[in-house]
């Protein structure tokens, strides 16, 4: 049975949607990580989770940024 070819955009869209529901890519990913689909999904999922975690966070001031101000 031949493998189904999936558009990268569809895989990335599913990963972005799933990132809002799942905390862990291992629980969310429907593809094997040994496949291109799995690698694309994982990268998109992690990118979206990072973007979600950065929303609304204030700028972190360090000693260097305080001294420069």
C-alpha atoms as a PDB file:
ATOM      1  CA  UNK A   1       0.000   0.000   0.000  1.00  0.00           C
ATOM      2  CA  UNK A   2       1.570   3.337  -1.021  1.00  0.00           C
ATOM      3  CA  UNK A   3       2.009   6.110   1.492  1.00  0.00           C
ATOM      4  CA  UNK A   4      -0.294   9.087   1.282  1.00  0.00           C
ATOM      5  CA  UNK A   5       1.399  12.367   0.373  1.00  0.00           C
ATOM      6  CA  UNK A   6       0.284  15.186   2.662  1.00  0.00           C
ATOM      7  CA  UNK A   7       0.768  18.893   1.941  1.00  0.00           C
ATOM      8  CA  UNK A   8       3.249  20.501   4.330  1.00  0.00           C
ATOM      9  CA  UNK A   9       0.831  23.377   4.917  1.00  0.00           C
ATOM     10  CA  UNK A  10      -1.826  20.923   6.128  1.00  0.00           C
ATOM     11  CA  UNK A  11       0.611  19.239   8.522  1.00  0.00           C
ATOM     12  CA  UNK A  12       1.736  22.609   9.899  1.00  0.00           C
ATOM     13  CA  UNK A  13      -1.858  23.821  10.292  1.00  0.00           C
ATOM     14  CA  UNK A  14      -2.778  20.686  12.265  1.00  0.00           C
ATOM     15  CA  UNK A  15       0.291  21.128  14.472  1.00  0.00           C
ATOM     16  CA  UNK A  16      -0.609  24.758  15.225  1.00  0.00           C
ATOM     17  CA  UNK A  17      -4.166  23.772  16.102  1.00  0.00           C
ATOM     18  CA  UNK A  18      -3.018  20.872  18.276  1.00  0.00           C
ATOM     19  CA  UNK A  19      -0.524  23.096  20.111  1.00  0.00           C
ATOM     20  CA  UNK A  20      -3.463  24.876  21.736  1.00  0.00           C
ATOM     21  CA  UNK A  21      -4.811  21.565  23.045  1.00  0.00           C
ATOM     22  CA  UNK A  22      -1.713  19.535  23.922  1.00  0.00           C
ATOM     23  CA  UNK A  23       1.286  20.445  26.079  1.00  0.00           C
ATOM     24  CA  UNK A  24       3.479  17.670  24.725  1.00  0.00           C
ATOM     25  CA  UNK A  25       4.302  17.004  21.077  1.00  0.00           C
ATOM     26  CA  UNK A  26       4.650  13.279  21.823  1.00  0.00           C
ATOM     27  CA  UNK A  27       0.989  13.113  22.813  1.00  0.00           C
ATOM     28  CA  UNK A  28      -0.202  15.282  19.931  1.00  0.00           C
ATOM     29  CA  UNK A  29       1.698  14.060  16.876  1.00  0.00           C
ATOM     30  CA  UNK A  30      -0.204  11.546  14.735  1.00  0.00           C
ATOM     31  CA  UNK A  31       2.902  10.797  12.626  1.00  0.00           C
ATOM     32  CA  UNK A  32       6.066   8.845  13.305  1.00  0.00           C
ATOM     33  CA  UNK A  33       8.966  11.170  14.108  1.00  0.00           C
ATOM     34  CA  UNK A  34      11.057   9.092  11.675  1.00  0.00           C
ATOM     35  CA  UNK A  35       9.027  10.481   8.763  1.00  0.00           C
ATOM     36  CA  UNK A  36       9.175  13.871   7.098  1.00  0.00           C
ATOM     37  CA  UNK A  37       5.574  14.503   8.190  1.00  0.00           C
ATOM     38  CA  UNK A  38       6.566  13.845  11.809  1.00  0.00           C
ATOM     39  CA  UNK A  39       9.537  16.192  11.617  1.00  0.00           C
ATOM     40  CA  UNK A  40       7.466  18.962  10.004  1.00  0.00           C
ATOM     41  CA  UNK A  41       4.689  18.497  12.573  1.00  0.00           C
ATOM     42  CA  UNK A  42       7.113  18.580  15.515  1.00  0.00           C
ATOM     43  CA  UNK A  43       8.847  21.756  14.303  1.00  0.00           C
ATOM     44  CA  UNK A  44       5.553  23.583  13.718  1.00  0.00           C
ATOM     45  CA  UNK A  45       4.134  22.389  17.058  1.00  0.00           C
ATOM     46  CA  UNK A  46       7.182  23.547  19.004  1.00  0.00           C
ATOM     47  CA  UNK A  47       7.269  26.894  17.192  1.00  0.00           C
ATOM     48  CA  UNK A  48       3.604  27.505  18.017  1.00  0.00           C
ATOM     49  CA  UNK A  49       4.050  26.479  21.687  1.00  0.00           C
ATOM     50  CA  UNK A  50       6.974  28.909  21.962  1.00  0.00           C
ATOM     51  CA  UNK A  51       4.921  31.715  20.411  1.00  0.00           C
ATOM     52  CA  UNK A  52       2.059  30.950  22.804  1.00  0.00           C
ATOM     53  CA  UNK A  53       4.389  31.044  25.805  1.00  0.00           C
ATOM     54  CA  UNK A  54       5.835  34.412  24.767  1.00  0.00           C
ATOM     55  CA  UNK A  55       2.482  36.187  24.337  1.00  0.00           C
ATOM     56  CA  UNK A  56       1.830  38.720  27.037  1.00  0.00           C
ATOM     57  CA  UNK A  57       5.154  38.288  28.781  1.00  0.00           C
ATOM     58  CA  UNK A  58       6.794  41.531  29.858  1.00  0.00           C
ATOM     59  CA  UNK A  59      10.340  42.266  28.808  1.00  0.00           C
ATOM     60  CA  UNK A  60      12.753  40.718  31.272  1.00  0.00           C
ATOM     61  CA  UNK A  61      15.233  43.239  32.598  1.00  0.00           C
ATOM     62  CA  UNK A  62      18.676  42.003  33.475  1.00  0.00           C
ATOM     63  CA  UNK A  63      21.449  43.849  35.280  1.00  0.00           C
ATOM     64  CA  UNK A  64      22.907  44.827  31.903  1.00  0.00           C
ATOM     65  CA  UNK A  65      19.662  46.340  30.593  1.00  0.00           C
ATOM     66  CA  UNK A  66      19.111  48.208  33.877  1.00  0.00           C
ATOM     67  CA  UNK A  67      22.615  49.686  33.749  1.00  0.00           C
ATOM     68  CA  UNK A  68      22.116  50.840  30.159  1.00  0.00           C
ATOM     69  CA  UNK A  69      18.816  52.579  30.977  1.00  0.00           C
END
